[in-house]
C-alpha cells in the first residue's frame, strides 16, 4: 500500500507549513485533478464478476513503523470480528455490479464509521479511484488552500464539511491536504 503524501511539509506541531513536500511538486505545477477527500475507514475490496471476493482494512503503523515512514498496508477484515462489522455493512451496502474486476481501495463510510461526518443514512464504500467527486477551482498554493478548506462543503454530501482534497495525477500518483492539516 502506498501512502498518499500530504502536499506540504509539517512543522514540529504536526501542522503543515508553506514548504512543498518533495514529490508533490506536480500539484503546484497544475497537474492532475482535485477531488473531494471523503472521511471514512480505508479499506480495499477485491471484485470479480460483480461480486466481492475479499475485504481488507488498512493496518495502522506501529510507532516504530511511523517513525521510519513505513506504511504497513492492508490485512484481511473478518466478518466475525466485532470491530469489522461496520466495514462489512458498508461493503454489503455497495453496488459492485459495475465495478471492474480487481482490487479497489476505498473508504467505508456511513453510520457508525468515523462518526459519520457526512451524516449518511446508510453505509457504503466510496471507491475513490473510479469516479471521484471532482472539485473545480481549487487553489494550489498554501494561503489559498487554507482559506478554501475553511468553508469547503462536501460535494458528496452537501450541507456537511468535507475532509479535504486529494489530487489525482493521470499517471496514478495522488497527494492530499486535509482541513485539519492547517
N, C-alpha and C. Protein backbone atom coordinates (compact mmCIF):
# COMPACT_ATOMS: atom_id res chain seq x y z
N UNK A 1 0.85 -1.18 0.00
CA UNK A 1 0.00 0.00 0.00
C UNK A 1 0.89 1.24 0.00
N UNK A 2 0.63 2.14 -0.91
CA UNK A 2 1.40 3.36 -0.95
C UNK A 2 0.63 4.47 -0.24
N UNK A 3 1.30 5.10 0.69
CA UNK A 3 0.69 6.20 1.45
C UNK A 3 0.49 7.40 0.52
N UNK A 4 -0.64 8.07 0.67
CA UNK A 4 -0.88 9.29 -0.09
C UNK A 4 -0.22 10.43 0.68
N UNK A 5 0.76 11.06 0.05
CA UNK A 5 1.53 12.11 0.69
C UNK A 5 0.73 13.39 0.86
N UNK A 6 0.95 14.07 1.97
CA UNK A 6 0.41 15.41 2.18
C UNK A 6 1.27 16.36 1.34
N UNK A 7 0.66 17.38 0.75
CA UNK A 7 1.36 18.23 -0.22
C UNK A 7 2.34 19.22 0.40
N UNK A 8 2.23 19.46 1.71
CA UNK A 8 3.15 20.37 2.39
C UNK A 8 3.90 19.61 3.49
N UNK A 9 5.09 20.09 3.80
CA UNK A 9 5.83 19.54 4.95
C UNK A 9 5.12 19.94 6.24
N UNK A 10 5.39 19.21 7.30
CA UNK A 10 4.81 19.50 8.61
C UNK A 10 5.85 20.13 9.53
N UNK A 11 5.36 20.97 10.41
CA UNK A 11 6.21 21.57 11.43
C UNK A 11 6.24 20.70 12.66
N UNK A 12 6.91 21.16 13.71
CA UNK A 12 7.02 20.39 14.95
C UNK A 12 5.67 20.20 15.64
N UNK A 13 4.69 21.05 15.31
CA UNK A 13 3.35 20.92 15.88
C UNK A 13 2.44 20.01 15.04
N UNK A 14 3.03 19.38 14.03
CA UNK A 14 2.33 18.47 13.09
C UNK A 14 1.38 19.18 12.15
N UNK A 15 1.31 20.51 12.22
CA UNK A 15 0.52 21.28 11.25
C UNK A 15 1.39 21.50 10.02
N UNK A 16 0.75 21.69 8.86
CA UNK A 16 1.53 21.90 7.64
C UNK A 16 2.16 23.29 7.63
N UNK A 17 3.27 23.38 6.93
CA UNK A 17 3.97 24.64 6.70
C UNK A 17 3.81 24.98 5.22
N UNK A 18 4.17 26.18 4.79
CA UNK A 18 4.07 26.51 3.37
C UNK A 18 5.07 25.78 2.47
N UNK A 19 6.00 25.03 3.04
CA UNK A 19 7.02 24.34 2.23
C UNK A 19 6.41 23.13 1.53
N UNK A 20 6.59 23.09 0.21
CA UNK A 20 6.05 21.99 -0.61
C UNK A 20 6.84 20.71 -0.31
N UNK A 21 6.11 19.63 -0.07
CA UNK A 21 6.75 18.35 0.20
C UNK A 21 7.34 17.80 -1.10
N UNK A 22 8.57 17.31 -1.00
CA UNK A 22 9.24 16.72 -2.15
C UNK A 22 8.38 15.59 -2.73
N UNK A 23 8.26 15.59 -4.03
CA UNK A 23 7.48 14.57 -4.72
C UNK A 23 6.06 15.00 -5.05
N UNK A 24 5.63 16.14 -4.49
CA UNK A 24 4.27 16.62 -4.78
C UNK A 24 4.28 17.90 -5.62
N UNK A 25 5.42 18.23 -6.18
CA UNK A 25 5.55 19.46 -6.98
C UNK A 25 4.56 19.50 -8.14
N UNK A 26 4.18 18.35 -8.64
CA UNK A 26 3.25 18.27 -9.77
C UNK A 26 1.92 18.94 -9.45
N UNK A 27 1.50 18.89 -8.18
CA UNK A 27 0.24 19.54 -7.78
C UNK A 27 0.34 21.04 -8.05
N UNK A 28 1.47 21.63 -7.67
CA UNK A 28 1.65 23.07 -7.78
C UNK A 28 1.97 23.51 -9.21
N UNK A 29 2.31 22.54 -10.06
CA UNK A 29 2.51 22.81 -11.48
C UNK A 29 1.18 22.75 -12.23
N UNK A 30 0.09 22.50 -11.49
CA UNK A 30 -1.24 22.46 -12.10
C UNK A 30 -1.61 21.12 -12.71
N UNK A 31 -0.84 20.08 -12.43
CA UNK A 31 -1.12 18.76 -12.99
C UNK A 31 -2.13 18.02 -12.12
N UNK A 32 -2.94 17.19 -12.74
CA UNK A 32 -3.90 16.38 -12.02
C UNK A 32 -5.19 17.13 -11.71
N UNK A 33 -6.15 16.39 -11.19
CA UNK A 33 -7.44 16.98 -10.83
C UNK A 33 -7.64 16.91 -9.32
N UNK A 34 -8.34 17.90 -8.80
CA UNK A 34 -8.66 17.94 -7.37
C UNK A 34 -9.97 17.19 -7.15
N UNK A 35 -9.98 16.34 -6.14
CA UNK A 35 -11.18 15.58 -5.79
C UNK A 35 -11.44 15.71 -4.30
N UNK A 36 -12.66 15.46 -3.93
CA UNK A 36 -13.00 15.52 -2.50
C UNK A 36 -12.44 14.32 -1.75
N UNK A 37 -11.79 14.59 -0.63
CA UNK A 37 -11.35 13.53 0.27
C UNK A 37 -12.52 13.22 1.20
N UNK A 38 -12.99 12.00 1.14
CA UNK A 38 -14.16 11.59 1.91
C UNK A 38 -13.68 10.89 3.18
N UNK A 39 -14.23 11.28 4.32
CA UNK A 39 -13.80 10.80 5.63
C UNK A 39 -14.48 9.49 5.98
N UNK A 40 -13.68 8.44 6.09
CA UNK A 40 -14.21 7.13 6.47
C UNK A 40 -13.08 6.24 6.94
N UNK A 41 -13.26 4.95 6.76
CA UNK A 41 -12.23 3.96 7.11
C UNK A 41 -11.69 3.39 5.82
N UNK A 42 -10.36 3.44 5.66
CA UNK A 42 -9.74 2.97 4.44
C UNK A 42 -9.79 1.44 4.38
N UNK A 43 -10.37 0.94 3.30
CA UNK A 43 -10.46 -0.50 3.06
C UNK A 43 -10.11 -0.78 1.60
N UNK A 44 -9.93 -2.03 1.29
CA UNK A 44 -9.73 -2.43 -0.10
C UNK A 44 -10.64 -3.62 -0.36
N UNK A 45 -11.38 -3.53 -1.45
CA UNK A 45 -12.25 -4.64 -1.84
C UNK A 45 -11.72 -5.24 -3.14
N UNK A 46 -11.77 -6.54 -3.21
CA UNK A 46 -11.41 -7.24 -4.43
C UNK A 46 -12.70 -7.75 -5.05
N UNK A 47 -12.92 -7.33 -6.30
CA UNK A 47 -14.16 -7.63 -7.00
C UNK A 47 -13.86 -8.52 -8.20
N UNK A 48 -14.72 -9.50 -8.42
CA UNK A 48 -14.64 -10.33 -9.61
C UNK A 48 -16.04 -10.66 -10.06
N UNK A 49 -16.33 -10.38 -11.31
CA UNK A 49 -17.63 -10.68 -11.92
C UNK A 49 -18.79 -10.12 -11.10
N UNK A 50 -18.61 -8.88 -10.59
CA UNK A 50 -19.68 -8.22 -9.86
C UNK A 50 -19.91 -8.72 -8.45
N UNK A 51 -18.95 -9.46 -7.91
CA UNK A 51 -19.06 -9.95 -6.53
C UNK A 51 -17.78 -9.61 -5.77
N UNK A 52 -17.94 -9.33 -4.49
CA UNK A 52 -16.79 -9.04 -3.63
C UNK A 52 -16.19 -10.36 -3.17
N UNK A 53 -14.90 -10.55 -3.50
CA UNK A 53 -14.21 -11.78 -3.11
C UNK A 53 -13.44 -11.62 -1.81
N UNK A 54 -12.93 -10.39 -1.57
CA UNK A 54 -12.11 -10.19 -0.38
C UNK A 54 -12.30 -8.76 0.11
N UNK A 55 -12.27 -8.60 1.43
CA UNK A 55 -12.34 -7.29 2.07
C UNK A 55 -11.12 -7.17 2.98
N UNK A 56 -10.38 -6.09 2.81
CA UNK A 56 -9.21 -5.84 3.64
C UNK A 56 -9.33 -4.46 4.26
N UNK A 57 -8.70 -4.30 5.40
CA UNK A 57 -8.67 -3.00 6.08
C UNK A 57 -7.23 -2.56 6.21
N UNK A 58 -7.06 -1.26 6.31
CA UNK A 58 -5.72 -0.71 6.46
C UNK A 58 -5.23 -1.01 7.87
N UNK A 59 -4.02 -1.52 7.95
CA UNK A 59 -3.40 -1.74 9.26
C UNK A 59 -2.63 -0.48 9.61
N UNK A 60 -2.96 0.10 10.75
CA UNK A 60 -2.24 1.29 11.19
C UNK A 60 -0.81 0.92 11.56
N UNK A 61 0.13 1.81 11.23
CA UNK A 61 1.52 1.52 11.55
C UNK A 61 1.79 1.59 13.05
N UNK A 62 2.75 0.80 13.50
CA UNK A 62 3.20 0.90 14.88
C UNK A 62 3.97 2.21 15.04
N UNK A 63 4.27 2.58 16.25
CA UNK A 63 5.04 3.80 16.50
C UNK A 63 6.39 3.74 15.78
N UNK A 64 7.02 2.57 15.81
CA UNK A 64 8.33 2.40 15.16
C UNK A 64 8.20 2.52 13.65
N UNK A 65 7.16 1.89 13.07
CA UNK A 65 6.95 1.98 11.62
C UNK A 65 6.68 3.43 11.21
N UNK A 66 5.88 4.10 12.01
CA UNK A 66 5.55 5.50 11.71
C UNK A 66 6.80 6.36 11.72
N UNK A 67 7.67 6.14 12.70
CA UNK A 67 8.92 6.92 12.81
C UNK A 67 9.81 6.71 11.59
N UNK A 68 9.78 5.50 11.02
CA UNK A 68 10.59 5.21 9.83
C UNK A 68 9.88 5.60 8.54
N UNK A 69 8.61 6.01 8.64
CA UNK A 69 7.85 6.36 7.45
C UNK A 69 7.27 5.17 6.73
N UNK A 70 7.26 4.00 7.38
CA UNK A 70 6.72 2.79 6.77
C UNK A 70 5.19 2.82 6.77
N UNK A 71 4.61 2.26 5.74
CA UNK A 71 3.16 2.12 5.64
C UNK A 71 2.89 0.63 5.49
N UNK A 72 2.34 -0.04 6.51
CA UNK A 72 2.27 -1.50 6.52
C UNK A 72 1.27 -2.14 5.56
N UNK A 73 0.29 -1.42 5.09
CA UNK A 73 -0.62 -1.99 4.11
C UNK A 73 -1.92 -2.51 4.69
N UNK A 74 -2.49 -3.46 3.99
CA UNK A 74 -3.81 -3.99 4.35
C UNK A 74 -3.70 -5.38 4.97
N UNK A 75 -4.68 -5.68 5.81
CA UNK A 75 -4.83 -7.02 6.36
C UNK A 75 -6.29 -7.44 6.13
N UNK A 76 -6.54 -8.73 6.15
CA UNK A 76 -7.89 -9.22 5.91
C UNK A 76 -8.84 -8.73 6.99
N UNK A 77 -10.00 -8.26 6.58
CA UNK A 77 -11.09 -7.96 7.52
C UNK A 77 -11.86 -9.26 7.72
N UNK A 78 -12.50 -9.38 8.88
CA UNK A 78 -13.18 -10.62 9.21
C UNK A 78 -14.60 -10.32 9.67
N UNK A 79 -15.55 -10.90 8.98
CA UNK A 79 -16.96 -10.67 9.29
C UNK A 79 -17.32 -11.07 10.72
N UNK A 80 -16.57 -11.98 11.32
CA UNK A 80 -16.85 -12.45 12.68
C UNK A 80 -16.19 -11.61 13.77
N UNK A 81 -15.39 -10.63 13.39
CA UNK A 81 -14.70 -9.78 14.35
C UNK A 81 -15.57 -8.53 14.59
N UNK A 82 -15.96 -8.27 15.83
CA UNK A 82 -16.88 -7.15 16.10
C UNK A 82 -16.44 -5.80 15.54
N UNK A 83 -15.14 -5.47 15.61
CA UNK A 83 -14.72 -4.16 15.12
C UNK A 83 -14.76 -4.04 13.60
N UNK A 84 -14.95 -5.16 12.89
CA UNK A 84 -15.04 -5.12 11.42
C UNK A 84 -16.48 -5.10 10.91
N UNK A 85 -17.45 -5.21 11.81
CA UNK A 85 -18.84 -5.36 11.36
C UNK A 85 -19.32 -4.16 10.54
N UNK A 86 -18.87 -2.96 10.88
CA UNK A 86 -19.34 -1.78 10.14
C UNK A 86 -18.68 -1.69 8.77
N UNK A 87 -17.46 -2.20 8.66
CA UNK A 87 -16.83 -2.29 7.34
C UNK A 87 -17.67 -3.19 6.44
N UNK A 88 -18.09 -4.33 6.96
CA UNK A 88 -18.88 -5.26 6.15
C UNK A 88 -20.27 -4.71 5.85
N UNK A 89 -20.83 -3.92 6.77
CA UNK A 89 -22.12 -3.28 6.47
C UNK A 89 -21.95 -2.33 5.28
N UNK A 90 -20.81 -1.62 5.24
CA UNK A 90 -20.55 -0.71 4.11
C UNK A 90 -20.35 -1.49 2.82
N UNK A 91 -19.58 -2.56 2.89
CA UNK A 91 -19.34 -3.39 1.70
C UNK A 91 -20.66 -3.98 1.21
N UNK A 92 -21.47 -4.51 2.13
CA UNK A 92 -22.76 -5.10 1.76
C UNK A 92 -23.71 -4.05 1.19
N UNK A 93 -23.54 -2.79 1.56
CA UNK A 93 -24.39 -1.71 1.08
C UNK A 93 -23.89 -1.07 -0.20
N UNK A 94 -22.88 -1.65 -0.82
CA UNK A 94 -22.29 -1.10 -2.04
C UNK A 94 -22.65 -1.94 -3.24
N UNK A 95 -23.14 -1.29 -4.29
CA UNK A 95 -23.42 -1.98 -5.54
C UNK A 95 -22.11 -2.16 -6.29
N UNK A 96 -21.61 -3.37 -6.34
CA UNK A 96 -20.34 -3.64 -7.02
C UNK A 96 -20.55 -4.25 -8.41
N UNK A 97 -21.79 -4.30 -8.87
CA UNK A 97 -22.10 -4.96 -10.13
C UNK A 97 -21.41 -4.31 -11.33
N UNK A 98 -21.10 -3.03 -11.24
CA UNK A 98 -20.46 -2.33 -12.36
C UNK A 98 -19.00 -1.98 -12.09
N UNK A 99 -18.48 -2.45 -10.96
CA UNK A 99 -17.07 -2.21 -10.65
C UNK A 99 -16.23 -3.24 -11.41
N UNK A 100 -15.22 -2.78 -12.15
CA UNK A 100 -14.38 -3.73 -12.89
C UNK A 100 -13.66 -4.70 -11.95
N UNK A 101 -13.33 -5.86 -12.49
CA UNK A 101 -12.57 -6.84 -11.72
C UNK A 101 -11.26 -6.23 -11.25
N UNK A 102 -10.88 -6.53 -10.03
CA UNK A 102 -9.62 -6.05 -9.48
C UNK A 102 -9.76 -5.67 -8.03
N UNK A 103 -8.67 -5.15 -7.48
CA UNK A 103 -8.65 -4.70 -6.09
C UNK A 103 -8.76 -3.19 -6.07
N UNK A 104 -9.68 -2.67 -5.27
CA UNK A 104 -10.00 -1.25 -5.28
C UNK A 104 -9.93 -0.66 -3.88
N UNK A 105 -9.00 0.27 -3.66
CA UNK A 105 -9.00 0.98 -2.38
C UNK A 105 -10.22 1.90 -2.32
N UNK A 106 -10.80 2.02 -1.15
CA UNK A 106 -11.97 2.86 -0.99
C UNK A 106 -12.12 3.26 0.47
N UNK A 107 -13.11 4.10 0.71
CA UNK A 107 -13.45 4.50 2.07
C UNK A 107 -14.78 3.86 2.44
N UNK A 108 -14.81 3.13 3.52
CA UNK A 108 -16.07 2.67 4.08
C UNK A 108 -16.64 3.87 4.83
N UNK A 109 -17.85 4.28 4.48
CA UNK A 109 -18.45 5.49 5.06
C UNK A 109 -19.88 5.22 5.48
N UNK A 110 -20.37 6.06 6.39
CA UNK A 110 -21.76 5.97 6.80
C UNK A 110 -21.91 5.81 8.30
N UNK A 111 -23.12 5.47 8.73
CA UNK A 111 -23.40 5.34 10.17
C UNK A 111 -22.41 4.40 10.86
N UNK A 112 -21.98 4.81 12.05
CA UNK A 112 -21.09 4.04 12.92
C UNK A 112 -19.65 3.95 12.39
N UNK A 113 -19.33 4.75 11.35
CA UNK A 113 -17.97 4.74 10.80
C UNK A 113 -17.37 6.13 10.94
N UNK A 114 -16.32 6.23 11.73
CA UNK A 114 -15.60 7.50 11.94
C UNK A 114 -16.53 8.65 12.34
N UNK A 115 -17.59 8.34 13.03
CA UNK A 115 -18.52 9.38 13.48
C UNK A 115 -19.47 9.87 12.40
N UNK A 116 -19.42 9.26 11.22
CA UNK A 116 -20.33 9.60 10.10
C UNK A 116 -20.41 11.12 9.87
N UNK A 117 -19.26 11.77 9.61
CA UNK A 117 -19.27 13.23 9.46
C UNK A 117 -20.11 13.73 8.28
N UNK A 118 -20.40 12.87 7.32
CA UNK A 118 -21.23 13.28 6.19
C UNK A 118 -22.70 13.00 6.43
N UNK A 119 -23.03 12.49 7.63
CA UNK A 119 -24.42 12.22 8.03
C UNK A 119 -25.16 11.36 7.01
N UNK A 120 -24.51 10.34 6.53
CA UNK A 120 -25.14 9.44 5.56
C UNK A 120 -26.15 8.54 6.28
N UNK A 121 -27.20 8.19 5.58
CA UNK A 121 -28.25 7.36 6.19
C UNK A 121 -27.92 5.88 6.14
N UNK A 122 -27.10 5.47 5.18
CA UNK A 122 -26.75 4.05 5.09
C UNK A 122 -25.27 3.91 4.75
N UNK A 123 -24.67 2.83 5.19
CA UNK A 123 -23.24 2.62 4.93
C UNK A 123 -22.98 2.20 3.49
N UNK A 124 -21.83 2.60 2.98
CA UNK A 124 -21.43 2.24 1.62
C UNK A 124 -19.92 2.38 1.51
N UNK A 125 -19.38 1.96 0.39
CA UNK A 125 -17.97 2.17 0.10
C UNK A 125 -17.84 3.17 -1.02
N UNK A 126 -17.01 4.16 -0.81
CA UNK A 126 -16.71 5.18 -1.81
C UNK A 126 -15.40 4.76 -2.48
N UNK A 127 -15.50 4.27 -3.71
CA UNK A 127 -14.33 3.79 -4.45
C UNK A 127 -13.68 5.01 -5.11
N UNK A 128 -12.75 5.65 -4.39
CA UNK A 128 -12.25 6.95 -4.80
C UNK A 128 -11.40 6.93 -6.05
N UNK A 129 -10.91 5.79 -6.48
CA UNK A 129 -10.08 5.77 -7.68
C UNK A 129 -10.90 5.52 -8.95
N UNK A 130 -12.19 5.24 -8.83
CA UNK A 130 -13.01 5.01 -10.02
C UNK A 130 -13.71 6.28 -10.50
N UNK A 131 -14.57 6.82 -9.72
CA UNK A 131 -15.30 8.03 -10.09
C UNK A 131 -15.28 9.03 -8.95
N UNK A 132 -14.10 9.60 -8.68
CA UNK A 132 -14.02 10.51 -7.55
C UNK A 132 -14.84 11.77 -7.78
N UNK A 133 -15.26 12.40 -6.70
CA UNK A 133 -16.01 13.64 -6.76
C UNK A 133 -15.03 14.78 -7.06
N UNK A 134 -15.05 15.26 -8.30
CA UNK A 134 -14.11 16.30 -8.75
C UNK A 134 -14.55 17.66 -8.23
N UNK A 135 -13.57 18.42 -7.76
CA UNK A 135 -13.81 19.75 -7.21
C UNK A 135 -13.15 20.76 -8.13
N UNK A 136 -13.94 21.69 -8.65
CA UNK A 136 -13.42 22.69 -9.58
C UNK A 136 -12.82 23.88 -8.82
N UNK A 137 -11.88 24.54 -9.48
CA UNK A 137 -11.33 25.82 -9.00
C UNK A 137 -10.73 25.76 -7.60
N UNK A 138 -9.99 24.71 -7.30
CA UNK A 138 -9.32 24.61 -6.01
C UNK A 138 -7.98 25.33 -6.10
N UNK A 139 -7.69 26.24 -5.17
CA UNK A 139 -6.39 26.90 -5.17
C UNK A 139 -5.28 25.88 -5.00
N UNK A 140 -4.10 26.21 -5.49
CA UNK A 140 -2.96 25.29 -5.37
C UNK A 140 -1.77 25.95 -4.69
N UNK A 141 -2.05 26.88 -3.81
CA UNK A 141 -0.97 27.44 -3.01
C UNK A 141 -1.44 27.49 -1.56
N UNK A 142 -0.49 27.57 -0.65
CA UNK A 142 -0.74 27.42 0.79
C UNK A 142 -1.88 28.30 1.30
N UNK A 143 -1.74 29.62 1.15
CA UNK A 143 -2.75 30.53 1.72
C UNK A 143 -4.12 30.33 1.09
N UNK A 144 -4.16 30.14 -0.22
CA UNK A 144 -5.43 29.93 -0.91
C UNK A 144 -6.12 28.65 -0.46
N UNK A 145 -5.34 27.58 -0.32
CA UNK A 145 -5.91 26.31 0.15
C UNK A 145 -6.42 26.41 1.58
N UNK A 146 -5.65 27.08 2.41
CA UNK A 146 -6.04 27.23 3.81
C UNK A 146 -7.41 27.92 3.90
N UNK A 147 -7.58 28.99 3.14
CA UNK A 147 -8.86 29.71 3.14
C UNK A 147 -9.97 28.89 2.50
N UNK A 148 -9.67 28.25 1.38
CA UNK A 148 -10.66 27.45 0.66
C UNK A 148 -11.21 26.34 1.57
N UNK A 149 -10.33 25.64 2.26
CA UNK A 149 -10.75 24.50 3.07
C UNK A 149 -11.58 24.90 4.29
N UNK A 150 -11.44 26.13 4.74
CA UNK A 150 -12.24 26.59 5.89
C UNK A 150 -13.74 26.53 5.62
N UNK A 151 -14.12 26.72 4.37
CA UNK A 151 -15.54 26.77 4.02
C UNK A 151 -15.95 25.70 3.01
N UNK A 152 -15.09 24.72 2.78
CA UNK A 152 -15.35 23.70 1.76
C UNK A 152 -16.42 22.72 2.22
N UNK A 153 -17.59 22.86 1.62
CA UNK A 153 -18.69 21.93 1.87
C UNK A 153 -18.54 20.70 0.99
N UNK A 154 -18.93 19.57 1.49
CA UNK A 154 -18.85 18.33 0.74
C UNK A 154 -19.74 18.39 -0.51
N UNK A 155 -19.20 17.95 -1.61
CA UNK A 155 -20.00 17.78 -2.82
C UNK A 155 -20.66 16.40 -2.80
N UNK A 156 -20.03 15.46 -2.12
CA UNK A 156 -20.57 14.10 -1.99
C UNK A 156 -21.81 14.10 -1.11
N UNK A 157 -21.79 14.90 -0.04
CA UNK A 157 -22.91 15.01 0.89
C UNK A 157 -23.12 16.48 1.23
N UNK A 158 -23.79 17.23 0.34
CA UNK A 158 -23.97 18.68 0.54
C UNK A 158 -24.55 19.01 1.92
N UNK A 159 -24.08 20.13 2.46
CA UNK A 159 -24.52 20.56 3.77
C UNK A 159 -23.62 20.09 4.90
N UNK A 160 -22.57 19.35 4.55
CA UNK A 160 -21.62 18.84 5.54
C UNK A 160 -20.21 19.23 5.10
N UNK A 161 -19.35 19.41 6.06
CA UNK A 161 -17.97 19.79 5.76
C UNK A 161 -17.20 18.63 5.13
N UNK A 162 -16.41 18.95 4.13
CA UNK A 162 -15.54 17.95 3.50
C UNK A 162 -14.30 17.75 4.36
N UNK A 163 -13.67 16.59 4.22
CA UNK A 163 -12.45 16.32 4.98
C UNK A 163 -11.24 17.01 4.36
N UNK A 164 -11.24 17.14 3.05
CA UNK A 164 -10.09 17.74 2.38
C UNK A 164 -10.11 17.47 0.90
N UNK A 165 -8.93 17.54 0.31
CA UNK A 165 -8.75 17.39 -1.14
C UNK A 165 -7.71 16.30 -1.40
N UNK A 166 -7.96 15.47 -2.41
CA UNK A 166 -6.96 14.54 -2.94
C UNK A 166 -6.76 14.90 -4.40
N UNK A 167 -5.52 15.13 -4.77
CA UNK A 167 -5.18 15.40 -6.16
C UNK A 167 -4.82 14.09 -6.83
N UNK A 168 -5.39 13.85 -8.00
CA UNK A 168 -5.13 12.62 -8.77
C UNK A 168 -4.39 13.00 -10.05
N UNK A 169 -3.18 12.48 -10.22
CA UNK A 169 -2.40 12.71 -11.43
C UNK A 169 -2.81 11.65 -12.46
N UNK A 170 -2.77 11.97 -13.76
CA UNK A 170 -3.12 10.97 -14.78
C UNK A 170 -2.27 9.70 -14.71
N UNK A 171 -1.05 9.78 -14.19
CA UNK A 171 -0.19 8.59 -14.12
C UNK A 171 -0.44 7.73 -12.87
N UNK A 172 -1.44 8.12 -12.04
CA UNK A 172 -1.80 7.33 -10.87
C UNK A 172 -1.31 7.89 -9.54
N UNK A 173 -0.39 8.85 -9.56
CA UNK A 173 0.05 9.44 -8.30
C UNK A 173 -1.10 10.20 -7.65
N UNK A 174 -1.06 10.25 -6.33
CA UNK A 174 -2.05 11.02 -5.57
C UNK A 174 -1.32 11.80 -4.48
N UNK A 175 -1.90 12.93 -4.10
CA UNK A 175 -1.39 13.74 -3.00
C UNK A 175 -2.60 14.38 -2.33
N UNK A 176 -2.47 14.71 -1.04
CA UNK A 176 -3.65 15.17 -0.30
C UNK A 176 -3.36 16.37 0.59
N UNK A 177 -4.44 17.00 1.01
CA UNK A 177 -4.42 18.01 2.05
C UNK A 177 -5.76 17.93 2.77
N UNK A 178 -5.72 17.93 4.11
CA UNK A 178 -6.93 17.85 4.90
C UNK A 178 -7.17 19.17 5.62
N UNK A 179 -8.42 19.45 5.92
CA UNK A 179 -8.79 20.65 6.65
C UNK A 179 -7.98 20.73 7.94
N UNK A 180 -7.89 19.63 8.66
CA UNK A 180 -7.22 19.63 9.97
C UNK A 180 -5.70 19.75 9.86
N UNK A 181 -5.13 19.66 8.64
CA UNK A 181 -3.69 19.83 8.47
C UNK A 181 -3.23 21.24 8.79
N UNK A 182 -4.14 22.19 8.68
CA UNK A 182 -3.81 23.59 8.97
C UNK A 182 -4.05 23.88 10.44
